[in-house]
Protein backbone atom coordinates (compact mmCIF):
# COMPACT_ATOMS: atom_id res chain seq x y z
CA MET A 1 -42.70 -51.96 45.59
CA ASP A 2 -42.13 -49.08 47.97
CA ALA A 3 -39.10 -46.75 48.24
CA ARG A 4 -39.31 -46.82 52.04
CA GLN A 5 -39.03 -50.60 52.14
CA ILE A 6 -35.99 -50.60 49.85
CA ILE A 7 -34.27 -47.89 51.91
CA ALA A 8 -35.07 -49.59 55.20
CA ALA A 9 -33.71 -52.91 53.94
CA LEU A 10 -30.51 -51.20 52.82
CA ARG A 11 -30.19 -49.52 56.22
CA ARG A 12 -30.38 -52.95 57.86
CA GLY A 13 -27.53 -54.15 55.66
CA GLU A 14 -29.68 -56.21 53.29
CA ARG A 15 -28.74 -56.15 49.61
CA PRO A 16 -31.62 -55.21 47.28
CA ASP A 17 -32.20 -57.52 44.33
CA ALA A 18 -32.21 -56.48 40.68
CA GLU A 19 -35.98 -56.07 40.61
CA ALA A 20 -35.93 -53.62 43.53
CA LEU A 21 -33.09 -51.57 42.03
CA ASP A 22 -34.83 -51.47 38.67
CA TRP A 23 -37.99 -50.18 40.36
CA PHE A 24 -36.02 -47.54 42.24
CA ALA A 25 -34.21 -46.35 39.10
CA ARG A 26 -37.49 -46.04 37.22
CA GLY A 27 -38.88 -44.10 40.18
CA LEU A 28 -35.94 -41.71 40.05
CA ALA A 29 -36.54 -41.12 36.34
CA SER A 30 -40.30 -40.65 36.66
CA GLY A 31 -40.32 -38.62 39.85
CA ALA A 32 -42.13 -41.29 41.84
CA VAL A 33 -39.11 -41.36 44.17
CA SER A 34 -38.78 -38.06 46.04
CA ASP A 35 -35.54 -36.13 46.55
CA ALA A 36 -35.62 -37.05 50.23
CA GLN A 37 -35.94 -40.75 49.37
CA ALA A 38 -33.18 -40.45 46.77
CA GLY A 39 -30.91 -38.85 49.38
CA ALA A 40 -31.72 -41.54 51.94
CA PHE A 41 -31.02 -44.25 49.34
CA ALA A 42 -27.67 -42.65 48.44
CA MET A 43 -26.65 -42.43 52.09
CA ALA A 44 -27.69 -46.04 52.74
CA VAL A 45 -25.65 -47.23 49.77
CA CYS A 46 -22.72 -45.09 50.89
CA LEU A 47 -22.78 -46.63 54.38
CA ARG A 48 -23.81 -50.23 53.63
CA GLY A 49 -22.76 -50.86 50.03
CA LEU A 50 -24.49 -52.89 47.33
CA GLY A 51 -22.01 -55.68 46.71
CA ASP A 52 -20.78 -56.74 43.27
CA ALA A 53 -24.12 -58.07 42.01
CA GLY A 54 -26.01 -55.05 43.32
CA ARG A 55 -23.58 -52.65 41.68
CA VAL A 56 -24.13 -54.35 38.32
CA ALA A 57 -27.89 -54.36 38.85
CA LEU A 58 -28.01 -50.65 39.72
CA THR A 59 -25.86 -49.80 36.68
CA ARG A 60 -28.15 -51.81 34.39
CA ALA A 61 -31.24 -50.26 35.95
CA MET A 62 -30.03 -46.67 35.59
CA ARG A 63 -28.93 -47.35 32.01
CA ALA A 64 -32.39 -48.73 31.22
CA SER A 65 -34.15 -45.74 32.84
CA GLY A 66 -33.88 -43.84 29.54
CA ARG A 67 -32.99 -44.37 25.93
CA VAL A 68 -30.33 -46.97 25.08
CA LEU A 69 -28.77 -46.39 21.69
CA GLU A 70 -28.39 -49.13 19.11
CA TRP A 71 -26.04 -48.88 16.15
CA ASP A 72 -25.72 -50.43 12.72
CA LEU A 73 -22.27 -49.26 11.64
CA PRO A 74 -19.42 -50.85 9.68
CA GLY A 75 -17.05 -50.69 12.67
CA PRO A 76 -17.04 -51.16 16.45
CA VAL A 77 -18.58 -48.55 18.75
CA LEU A 78 -15.93 -47.63 21.33
CA ASP A 79 -15.35 -44.99 23.97
CA LYS A 80 -13.08 -43.84 26.80
CA HIS A 81 -13.82 -42.31 30.19
CA SER A 82 -11.47 -40.48 32.55
CA THR A 83 -12.19 -40.01 36.24
CA GLY A 84 -10.94 -36.44 35.91
CA GLY A 85 -7.87 -34.38 36.57
CA VAL A 86 -6.04 -31.17 35.73
CA GLY A 87 -4.84 -30.55 32.19
CA ASP A 88 -6.44 -33.80 31.01
CA CYS A 89 -7.49 -33.13 27.41
CA VAL A 90 -6.89 -36.65 26.08
CA SER A 91 -10.50 -37.05 24.88
CA LEU A 92 -10.00 -34.34 22.26
CA LEU A 93 -7.10 -36.32 20.80
CA LEU A 94 -8.40 -39.83 21.32
CA ALA A 95 -11.91 -39.61 19.84
CA PRO A 96 -10.70 -38.48 16.37
CA ALA A 97 -7.71 -40.84 16.46
CA LEU A 98 -9.99 -43.82 17.16
CA ALA A 99 -12.32 -42.71 14.36
CA ALA A 100 -9.36 -42.42 11.99
CA CYS A 101 -8.57 -46.06 12.81
CA GLY A 102 -12.05 -47.29 11.86
CA ALA A 103 -13.93 -47.05 15.17
CA TYR A 104 -17.09 -45.08 15.87
CA VAL A 105 -17.04 -42.96 19.03
CA PRO A 106 -20.28 -41.47 20.46
CA MET A 107 -18.52 -39.81 23.41
CA ILE A 108 -20.96 -38.55 26.04
CA SER A 109 -18.87 -36.23 28.20
CA GLY A 110 -19.25 -33.88 31.14
CA ARG A 111 -18.47 -30.37 32.28
CA GLY A 112 -15.99 -29.28 34.90
CA LEU A 113 -16.55 -30.79 38.35
CA GLY A 114 -14.81 -29.23 41.34
CA HIS A 115 -11.17 -28.59 40.52
CA THR A 116 -11.17 -30.77 37.39
CA GLY A 117 -11.76 -29.42 33.90
CA GLY A 118 -14.60 -30.61 31.71
CA THR A 119 -14.24 -31.90 28.15
CA LEU A 120 -17.35 -30.03 27.02
CA ASP A 121 -16.15 -26.74 28.49
CA LYS A 122 -12.89 -27.12 26.57
CA LEU A 123 -14.63 -27.76 23.27
CA GLU A 124 -16.99 -24.85 23.82
CA ALA A 125 -13.95 -22.54 23.84
CA ILE A 126 -14.14 -23.08 20.07
CA PRO A 127 -16.51 -20.43 18.65
CA GLY A 128 -19.86 -21.92 17.63
CA PHE A 129 -19.19 -25.44 18.92
CA ARG A 130 -22.38 -27.04 20.25
CA ALA A 131 -22.16 -29.83 22.79
CA GLU A 132 -25.86 -29.80 23.67
CA VAL A 133 -27.33 -31.73 20.74
CA SER A 134 -30.19 -34.17 20.23
CA VAL A 135 -29.75 -37.93 20.18
CA GLU A 136 -30.51 -37.79 16.46
CA LYS A 137 -27.68 -35.30 15.91
CA LEU A 138 -25.32 -37.48 17.94
CA ARG A 139 -26.19 -40.42 15.72
CA GLU A 140 -25.75 -38.35 12.55
CA VAL A 141 -22.32 -36.93 13.47
CA THR A 142 -21.05 -40.28 14.75
CA ARG A 143 -22.14 -42.00 11.53
CA ASP A 144 -20.83 -39.33 9.13
CA VAL A 145 -17.62 -38.23 10.89
CA GLY A 146 -16.75 -41.23 13.04
CA CYS A 147 -16.89 -39.42 16.37
CA ALA A 148 -18.96 -36.88 18.28
CA ILE A 149 -18.36 -35.38 21.74
CA VAL A 150 -21.62 -34.28 23.34
CA ALA A 151 -23.45 -33.70 26.60
CA ALA A 152 -25.87 -36.26 27.95
CA THR A 153 -29.45 -35.40 27.03
CA ASP A 154 -32.48 -35.82 29.27
CA GLN A 155 -33.15 -39.08 27.42
CA ILE A 156 -29.87 -40.71 28.47
CA ALA A 157 -29.85 -42.30 31.96
CA PRO A 158 -32.32 -39.86 33.56
CA ALA A 159 -32.15 -41.81 36.83
CA ASP A 160 -28.48 -40.90 37.11
CA ARG A 161 -29.23 -37.24 36.47
CA ARG A 162 -31.58 -37.22 39.49
CA LEU A 163 -29.34 -39.26 41.75
CA TYR A 164 -26.19 -37.33 40.83
CA ALA A 165 -27.77 -34.00 41.77
CA VAL A 166 -28.88 -35.41 45.13
CA ARG A 167 -25.46 -36.96 45.85
CA ASP A 168 -23.78 -33.60 45.29
CA VAL A 169 -25.70 -32.04 48.20
CA THR A 170 -25.87 -35.01 50.59
CA GLY A 171 -22.19 -35.84 51.04
CA THR A 172 -22.44 -39.14 49.16
CA VAL A 173 -20.33 -38.36 46.08
CA GLU A 174 -17.45 -40.62 47.13
CA SER A 175 -19.32 -43.96 47.23
CA ILE A 176 -17.60 -46.35 44.83
CA ASP A 177 -20.93 -48.12 44.15
CA LEU A 178 -22.62 -44.84 43.19
CA ILE A 179 -19.62 -43.49 41.24
CA THR A 180 -19.47 -46.72 39.26
CA ALA A 181 -23.18 -46.82 38.44
CA SER A 182 -23.18 -43.12 37.52
CA ILE A 183 -20.24 -43.34 35.12
CA LEU A 184 -21.24 -46.60 33.49
CA SER A 185 -24.99 -46.03 33.16
CA LYS A 186 -24.35 -43.07 30.82
CA LYS A 187 -21.55 -44.78 28.90
CA LEU A 188 -23.42 -48.04 28.42
CA ALA A 189 -26.57 -46.19 27.34
CA ALA A 190 -24.53 -45.05 24.34
CA GLY A 191 -24.58 -48.64 23.07
CA LEU A 192 -20.84 -49.31 23.39
CA GLU A 193 -19.08 -52.50 22.37
CA GLY A 194 -15.86 -51.61 24.17
CA LEU A 195 -14.81 -49.10 26.83
CA VAL A 196 -11.40 -48.09 28.17
CA LEU A 197 -11.18 -46.30 31.51
CA ASP A 198 -8.52 -43.84 32.66
CA VAL A 199 -8.57 -43.90 36.47
CA LYS A 200 -6.44 -41.08 37.87
CA THR A 201 -4.49 -41.05 41.13
CA GLY A 202 -2.43 -38.31 42.75
CA SER A 203 -2.77 -34.73 43.97
CA GLY A 204 -4.90 -33.56 41.04
CA ALA A 205 -7.28 -36.54 41.05
CA PHE A 206 -10.46 -37.20 43.00
CA MET A 207 -8.96 -40.52 44.13
CA LYS A 208 -5.67 -39.21 45.52
CA ASP A 209 -4.79 -42.44 47.32
CA TYR A 210 -3.54 -45.23 45.04
CA ASP A 211 -5.48 -47.98 46.82
CA ASP A 212 -8.72 -46.01 46.41
CA ALA A 213 -8.01 -45.59 42.70
CA LEU A 214 -7.30 -49.32 42.40
CA ASP A 215 -10.58 -50.18 44.15
CA LEU A 216 -12.49 -47.87 41.80
CA ALA A 217 -10.77 -49.25 38.68
CA GLN A 218 -11.56 -52.83 39.68
CA ALA A 219 -15.17 -51.92 40.48
CA LEU A 220 -15.62 -50.14 37.15
CA VAL A 221 -14.11 -52.96 35.08
CA SER A 222 -15.97 -55.79 36.82
CA THR A 223 -19.27 -53.90 36.73
CA ALA A 224 -18.99 -52.91 33.07
CA GLN A 225 -18.10 -56.45 32.11
CA GLY A 226 -20.94 -57.76 34.27
CA ALA A 227 -23.27 -55.42 32.38
CA GLY A 228 -22.07 -56.83 29.05
CA CYS A 229 -19.45 -54.33 27.85
CA MET A 230 -15.83 -55.36 27.25
CA THR A 231 -13.74 -53.02 29.37
CA THR A 232 -10.18 -52.42 30.54
CA ALA A 233 -8.74 -49.69 32.76
CA LEU A 234 -5.39 -47.98 33.17
CA ILE A 235 -4.46 -46.38 36.48
CA THR A 236 -2.56 -43.25 35.49
CA ASP A 237 -0.65 -40.47 37.19
CA MET A 238 -2.26 -37.19 38.24
CA SER A 239 0.43 -36.01 40.67
CA GLN A 240 0.94 -33.17 38.19
CA PRO A 241 -1.13 -31.73 35.31
CA LEU A 242 -1.14 -34.05 32.32
CA ALA A 243 -0.70 -31.22 29.83
CA ALA A 244 1.47 -28.16 30.39
CA ALA A 245 -1.72 -26.08 30.36
CA ALA A 246 -4.87 -25.94 32.49
CA GLY A 247 -7.83 -23.92 31.25
CA ASN A 248 -10.24 -24.38 28.39
CA ALA A 249 -8.83 -22.54 25.36
CA LEU A 250 -5.27 -23.12 26.59
CA GLU A 251 -5.81 -26.89 26.62
CA VAL A 252 -7.38 -26.76 23.15
CA ILE A 253 -4.21 -24.97 21.98
CA GLU A 254 -2.10 -27.81 23.37
CA VAL A 255 -4.36 -30.36 21.67
CA MET A 256 -4.09 -28.58 18.34
CA GLU A 257 -0.31 -28.30 18.62
CA THR A 258 -0.15 -32.04 19.22
CA LEU A 259 -2.66 -32.93 16.48
CA THR A 260 -0.88 -30.77 13.90
CA GLY A 261 2.66 -31.60 15.01
CA THR A 262 3.44 -27.98 15.83
CA SER A 263 4.66 -28.83 19.33
CA VAL A 264 3.95 -32.35 20.56
CA ASN A 265 3.24 -32.88 24.25
CA ALA A 266 4.85 -36.25 25.01
CA ALA A 267 2.60 -37.14 27.96
CA LEU A 268 -0.59 -36.37 26.03
CA TRP A 269 0.70 -38.32 23.03
CA ASP A 270 1.78 -41.37 25.05
CA LEU A 271 -1.40 -41.63 27.13
CA THR A 272 -3.61 -41.13 24.07
CA ALA A 273 -1.75 -43.95 22.32
CA ALA A 274 -1.96 -46.27 25.33
CA LEU A 275 -5.69 -45.73 25.93
CA GLY A 276 -6.44 -45.88 22.21
CA GLY A 277 -4.47 -49.09 21.88
CA GLU A 278 -6.60 -50.70 24.58
CA ALA A 279 -9.81 -49.54 22.87
CA LEU A 280 -8.79 -50.75 19.40
CA ALA A 281 -7.85 -54.16 20.82
CA LEU A 282 -11.24 -54.40 22.57
CA GLY A 283 -12.98 -53.56 19.30
CA GLY A 284 -11.03 -56.06 17.21
CA LEU A 285 -9.28 -53.35 15.18
CA ALA A 286 -5.86 -54.29 16.57
CA ALA A 287 -4.18 -57.56 17.45
CA ASP A 288 -3.34 -56.35 20.96
CA PRO A 289 -2.96 -53.06 22.87
CA GLU A 290 0.59 -52.54 21.61
CA ASP A 291 -0.51 -52.92 17.99
CA GLY A 292 -3.41 -50.58 18.74
CA ALA A 293 -1.09 -47.97 20.22
CA ASP A 294 1.02 -48.06 17.05
CA ARG A 295 -2.12 -47.49 14.97
CA ILE A 296 -3.16 -44.51 17.12
CA GLU A 297 0.30 -42.99 16.78
CA ALA A 298 0.12 -43.43 13.00
CA ALA A 299 -3.23 -41.62 12.93
CA LEU A 300 -1.72 -38.73 14.90
CA GLU A 301 1.48 -38.58 12.84
CA SER A 302 -0.27 -38.73 9.46
CA GLY A 303 -2.67 -35.90 10.23
CA SER A 304 -5.72 -38.12 9.76
CA ALA A 305 -6.78 -37.61 13.40
CA ALA A 306 -6.53 -33.83 12.92
CA GLU A 307 -8.66 -34.08 9.78
CA VAL A 308 -11.37 -36.03 11.65
CA PHE A 309 -11.25 -33.53 14.52
CA GLY A 310 -11.81 -30.67 12.09
CA ARG A 311 -14.82 -32.40 10.54
CA MET A 312 -16.30 -33.09 13.98
CA VAL A 313 -15.89 -29.43 15.01
CA ALA A 314 -17.59 -28.28 11.81
CA ALA A 315 -20.41 -30.83 12.17
CA GLN A 316 -21.12 -29.55 15.69
CA GLY A 317 -21.28 -25.89 14.69
CA GLY A 318 -17.65 -24.78 14.87
CA PRO A 319 -15.53 -23.15 12.15
CA VAL A 320 -15.04 -25.28 9.04
CA ASP A 321 -11.40 -24.12 8.87
CA PHE A 322 -10.57 -24.66 12.54
CA VAL A 323 -7.66 -27.06 11.99
CA GLU A 324 -6.03 -24.63 9.54
CA ARG A 325 -6.74 -21.43 11.49
CA TRP A 326 -7.09 -22.45 15.13
CA PRO A 327 -4.65 -19.78 16.43
CA ASP A 328 -7.01 -17.11 15.08
CA ARG A 329 -10.17 -18.77 16.34
CA LEU A 330 -9.47 -19.23 20.06
CA PRO A 331 -9.91 -16.47 22.66
CA SER A 332 -6.96 -15.08 24.63
CA ALA A 333 -6.89 -13.40 28.05
CA PRO A 334 -5.87 -9.73 28.33
CA VAL A 335 -3.48 -10.28 31.27
CA MET A 336 -0.51 -12.67 31.21
CA ARG A 337 1.70 -13.03 34.28
CA GLU A 338 4.81 -15.15 34.76
CA VAL A 339 4.97 -16.93 38.12
CA LEU A 340 8.69 -16.94 38.90
CA ALA A 341 10.15 -19.80 40.90
CA GLY A 342 11.79 -17.40 43.35
CA ARG A 343 14.74 -19.72 43.91
CA ALA A 344 16.60 -22.37 42.00
CA GLY A 345 15.76 -26.02 42.53
CA TYR A 346 14.03 -29.13 41.27
CA VAL A 347 10.25 -29.36 41.22
CA ALA A 348 9.72 -31.94 43.96
CA ALA A 349 5.91 -31.94 44.10
CA ILE A 350 2.88 -30.13 42.69
CA ASP A 351 -0.49 -29.69 44.36
CA GLY A 352 -2.61 -30.44 41.30
CA GLU A 353 -5.89 -29.72 43.06
CA ALA A 354 -4.60 -26.25 44.05
CA LEU A 355 -3.73 -25.50 40.42
CA GLY A 356 -7.17 -26.64 39.31
CA LEU A 357 -8.84 -24.45 41.92
CA ALA A 358 -6.70 -21.51 40.79
CA VAL A 359 -8.10 -21.94 37.28
CA VAL A 360 -11.64 -22.09 38.69
CA ALA A 361 -11.05 -18.88 40.66
CA LEU A 362 -9.81 -17.17 37.48
CA GLY A 363 -13.19 -17.95 35.90
CA GLY A 364 -12.14 -21.08 34.04
CA GLY A 365 -14.54 -23.25 36.06
CA ARG A 366 -17.71 -22.91 38.10
CA MET A 367 -17.90 -21.89 41.74
CA LYS A 368 -21.61 -22.81 41.67
CA GLY A 369 -24.07 -24.23 39.17
CA GLY A 370 -25.00 -21.81 36.41
CA ASP A 371 -21.77 -19.79 36.53
CA ARG A 372 -20.52 -18.67 33.13
CA ILE A 373 -17.03 -19.77 32.17
CA ASN A 374 -14.35 -17.50 30.72
CA PRO A 375 -12.72 -19.82 28.16
CA SER A 376 -9.55 -17.72 27.79
CA VAL A 377 -8.21 -17.88 31.36
CA GLY A 378 -5.99 -20.49 32.98
CA LEU A 379 -2.38 -21.55 33.26
CA SER A 380 0.19 -22.40 30.61
CA ASP A 381 3.85 -23.48 30.49
CA ILE A 382 3.43 -25.41 33.75
CA ALA A 383 6.73 -26.90 34.95
CA GLY A 384 6.74 -30.64 35.61
CA VAL A 385 7.86 -32.78 38.53
CA GLY A 386 11.62 -33.39 38.28
CA GLU A 387 12.23 -30.29 36.17
CA HIS A 388 15.02 -27.92 37.26
CA VAL A 389 14.04 -24.26 37.47
CA SER A 390 16.11 -21.17 38.23
CA ALA A 391 14.97 -18.27 40.37
CA ASP A 392 14.19 -16.01 37.43
CA LEU A 393 12.32 -18.57 35.31
CA PRO A 394 8.57 -19.19 35.58
CA VAL A 395 6.97 -22.35 36.93
CA ALA A 396 3.79 -21.32 35.07
CA ILE A 397 2.18 -18.41 33.24
CA VAL A 398 -1.15 -17.06 34.47
CA HIS A 399 -3.75 -15.98 31.90
CA ALA A 400 -6.29 -13.73 33.61
CA ALA A 401 -9.10 -11.28 32.92
CA THR A 402 -7.84 -8.68 35.40
CA GLU A 403 -4.64 -7.76 37.24
CA THR A 404 -6.35 -8.44 40.57
CA GLU A 405 -7.29 -11.98 39.53
CA ALA A 406 -3.77 -12.51 38.22
CA ASP A 407 -2.37 -11.50 41.63
CA ALA A 408 -4.48 -14.11 43.42
CA ALA A 409 -3.65 -16.82 40.88
CA GLU A 410 0.07 -16.04 41.06
CA ALA A 411 0.06 -16.53 44.83
CA ALA A 412 -1.94 -19.78 44.54
CA VAL A 413 0.33 -21.20 41.85
CA ARG A 414 3.52 -20.35 43.74
CA ALA A 415 2.16 -22.07 46.85
CA ALA A 416 1.27 -25.19 44.82
CA PHE A 417 4.90 -25.86 43.84
CA SER A 418 7.42 -27.49 46.18
CA LEU A 419 11.07 -27.08 45.20
CA GLY A 420 13.99 -29.13 46.48
CA GLU A 421 17.76 -29.26 46.16
CA ALA A 422 18.02 -32.89 45.08
CA GLU A 423 17.08 -34.34 41.72
CA VAL A 424 13.61 -35.86 41.62
CA GLU A 425 12.52 -38.73 39.41
CA GLU A 426 9.48 -38.01 37.27
CA PRO A 427 6.56 -40.30 38.21
CA PRO A 428 5.45 -42.96 35.73
CA LEU A 429 2.61 -42.03 33.41
CA ILE A 430 0.82 -45.39 33.75
CA TYR A 431 0.90 -47.45 36.96
CA GLU A 432 -1.22 -50.49 36.27
CA ARG A 433 -3.59 -52.15 33.82
CA ILE A 434 -6.83 -53.70 35.06
CA ALA A 435 -8.69 -56.15 32.82
């Protein structure tokens, strides 16, 4: 086969067959396909599309371009993926809760992308925690602890690694076919038996329009099932940050407060239970999603999820006493600044993307590849949609490295909040289930 022929056929609107897509994925992994050809392929897919069968074939081909894990464990291998948002730290609660319920969770996660925070960046706010581990270490921690949260290695879906980097610089990130194949090739390479997807919509999501989020959720579910993995999706709200904090160590604090019962965040708790219930039902560990949600809540309430989280942190290089002494182990920023509402009113709307970008500008994310992250900075005590605030009360607290950076963040946060005179109904947490 020849990359030029495949690209030309795509440009003409022809749909490549599974054999052609498999050849192209292997060429991406081996280097036989050049960056220019990869970019042309991505643009052709973006403009012409692959169709349902082609999307499944590309996902399978990119999964098979590297190592596909196989497991021999006494419970189902399950996972969850979120399309990203602000203050979304559910993975840190869900992985140990699923493990406490008898599942095994080899969670291959990512770093911050654009205005959205990354699960790995959050965990690396914990001193010593190592997300970059070998496949053998992933297998060991998953087997011994029940869950591991790690970065994808070069052995997992290398074709996606090449294509993703090219998409980022060729304006082809938003193709549903390419998004779907990228997400699922890595997840399915982990050898999953069941996958639950959290597809975000709203101001803090990549898919801000509901119909776009619905299209993506349907594509992800049908493609994953077509590739042989039982999958469901929930379309969930990202019109405001999910947690009351945004920033790496600050989100870990909120996770630990919820895990230990110190101060439970209701939205985090409820979404963790809903997603976990779906996963347990897929894996046969619950009669249905409602039964599964009850089991996840029991794992959180009993402290068993916190215990598993502590063992995972220790197994991946973090402090062995993290669950007991987390307030002493996490970094804090030297500057804290209240962002006052300025006038009384109800929070009518929040620009979630603007809040996420404010965290990035503080140093909590990357402006360009290779930037170092300051784990201590971010926002906390973020007011929610529908909440009434008075002029002298904060809508958020800025955590910054310098006064100058705090000034800029304060202005950005204030501009992100819209206040009104009338009461506003809080948006639903979950809009729709796709199966």
